[in-house]
Amino acid sequence: FYPGGVSETELLLAYGYVAFASKAGALAGNHFATIVEGDEQLRELGRRMLWDGAQEIVFRET
């Protein structure tokens, strides 16, 4: 049961072919950033998030 009007405080990081969904159904996303360097580390970041949970992440405007 989704009560509506509740905003999640998660950042969903898509890499590769993905589709996000929850118990309430499909989740829409909006592009807000592009990774311009370090993308070779995405696979390891994905593995760490899956097995170790939340990871610290830093965003810098260039």
Protein backbone atom coordinates (compact mmCIF):
# COMPACT_ATOMS: atom_id res chain seq x y z
CA PHE A 1 0.00 0.00 0.00
CA TYR A 2 1.47 3.35 -1.08
CA PRO A 3 0.00 6.26 0.89
CA GLY A 4 0.90 8.83 -1.78
CA GLY A 5 2.73 12.11 -1.34
CA VAL A 6 5.78 10.47 0.22
CA SER A 7 9.08 11.44 -1.34
CA GLU A 8 11.89 8.91 -1.05
CA THR A 9 15.31 10.17 -0.03
CA GLU A 10 17.25 7.74 -2.18
CA LEU A 11 19.48 8.29 -5.15
CA LEU A 12 19.07 5.52 -7.69
CA LEU A 13 22.21 5.11 -9.76
CA ALA A 14 21.52 3.49 -13.11
CA TYR A 15 24.33 1.95 -15.07
CA GLY A 16 23.89 -0.53 -17.88
CA TYR A 17 20.40 -1.73 -18.81
CA VAL A 18 18.10 -1.20 -15.82
CA ALA A 19 14.47 -0.58 -14.94
CA PHE A 20 13.55 0.57 -11.44
CA ALA A 21 10.39 -0.62 -9.72
CA SER A 22 8.93 -0.90 -6.24
CA LYS A 23 5.95 -2.63 -4.66
CA ALA A 24 3.90 0.33 -5.92
CA GLY A 25 5.04 -0.18 -9.52
CA ALA A 26 7.52 1.33 -11.95
CA LEU A 27 9.65 4.26 -10.76
CA ALA A 28 10.25 7.18 -13.09
CA GLY A 29 13.59 8.93 -13.05
CA ASN A 30 15.02 12.24 -14.17
CA HIS A 31 18.53 12.68 -15.51
CA PHE A 32 20.39 15.25 -13.43
CA ALA A 33 24.06 14.42 -13.87
CA THR A 34 26.48 12.76 -16.26
CA ILE A 35 29.56 10.87 -15.14
CA VAL A 36 32.45 12.22 -17.20
CA GLU A 37 35.32 10.37 -15.54
CA GLY A 38 35.70 7.38 -13.28
CA ASP A 39 32.94 5.39 -14.99
CA GLU A 40 35.22 2.35 -14.94
CA GLN A 41 34.54 2.22 -11.17
CA LEU A 42 30.74 1.91 -11.54
CA ARG A 43 30.72 -1.90 -11.53
CA GLU A 44 32.60 -1.98 -8.21
CA LEU A 45 30.36 0.75 -6.76
CA GLY A 46 27.30 -1.28 -7.74
CA ARG A 47 28.74 -4.40 -6.10
CA ARG A 48 29.53 -2.49 -2.90
CA MET A 49 26.05 -0.98 -2.70
CA LEU A 50 24.48 -4.41 -3.19
CA TRP A 51 26.59 -6.23 -0.61
CA ASP A 52 27.65 -3.47 1.81
CA GLY A 53 24.70 -1.06 1.64
CA ALA A 54 24.77 2.71 1.29
CA GLN A 55 28.01 4.32 0.16
CA GLU A 56 29.28 7.86 0.54
CA ILE A 57 29.17 9.81 -2.70
CA VAL A 58 30.40 13.32 -3.56
CA PHE A 59 29.07 15.54 -6.35
CA ARG A 60 31.20 18.35 -7.73
CA GLU A 61 30.12 20.93 -10.25
CA THR A 62 32.67 21.41 -13.01
